[in-house]
Amino acid sequence: MEKGIAEAERNFAKKLLDRNYSDEEISELTSLDLKEISILRKSLKN
């Protein structure tokens, strides 16, 4: 169950990144830390 929640958080964060939210805003809206958000941001650029 927790794995599904974590995946949902990452998918939500990706949508926020697509809408140009800052890493700090995404961290506040999700349970993700800045390091994980940075990794997601880099993966979307590739």
Protein backbone atom coordinates (compact mmCIF):
# COMPACT_ATOMS: atom_id res chain seq x y z
CA MET A 1 0.00 0.00 0.00
CA GLU A 2 2.77 2.47 0.91
CA LYS A 3 4.50 1.71 -2.38
CA GLY A 4 1.35 2.76 -4.23
CA ILE A 5 1.12 5.98 -2.24
CA ALA A 6 4.77 6.81 -2.94
CA GLU A 7 4.21 6.19 -6.66
CA ALA A 8 1.14 8.46 -6.62
CA GLU A 9 3.19 11.19 -4.91
CA ARG A 10 5.87 10.94 -7.61
CA ASN A 11 3.26 11.09 -10.38
CA PHE A 12 1.68 14.15 -8.76
CA ALA A 13 5.11 15.77 -8.44
CA LYS A 14 5.79 15.14 -12.14
CA LYS A 15 2.56 16.95 -13.03
CA LEU A 16 3.57 19.86 -10.82
CA LEU A 17 7.00 19.96 -12.46
CA ASP A 18 5.30 20.09 -15.88
CA ARG A 19 3.41 23.14 -14.61
CA ASN A 20 6.63 24.84 -13.51
CA TYR A 21 6.11 24.59 -9.76
CA SER A 22 9.31 25.12 -7.79
CA ASP A 23 10.99 22.24 -6.00
CA GLU A 24 10.14 23.89 -2.68
CA GLU A 25 6.45 24.18 -3.57
CA ILE A 26 6.33 20.53 -4.64
CA SER A 27 8.02 19.49 -1.40
CA GLU A 28 5.37 21.36 0.57
CA LEU A 29 2.51 19.76 -1.42
CA THR A 30 3.90 16.22 -1.32
CA SER A 31 5.89 14.16 1.15
CA LEU A 32 8.88 14.12 -1.21
CA ASP A 33 12.16 15.69 -0.19
CA LEU A 34 14.05 18.15 -2.37
CA LYS A 35 16.61 15.55 -3.44
CA GLU A 36 13.94 13.23 -4.83
CA ILE A 37 12.22 16.12 -6.61
CA SER A 38 15.52 17.12 -8.18
CA ILE A 39 15.98 13.55 -9.47
CA LEU A 40 12.45 13.60 -10.93
CA ARG A 41 13.13 16.96 -12.60
CA LYS A 42 16.28 15.60 -14.24
CA SER A 43 14.48 12.47 -15.42
CA LEU A 44 11.83 14.56 -17.15
CA LYS A 45 14.44 16.53 -19.08
CA ASN A 46 15.82 13.34 -20.70
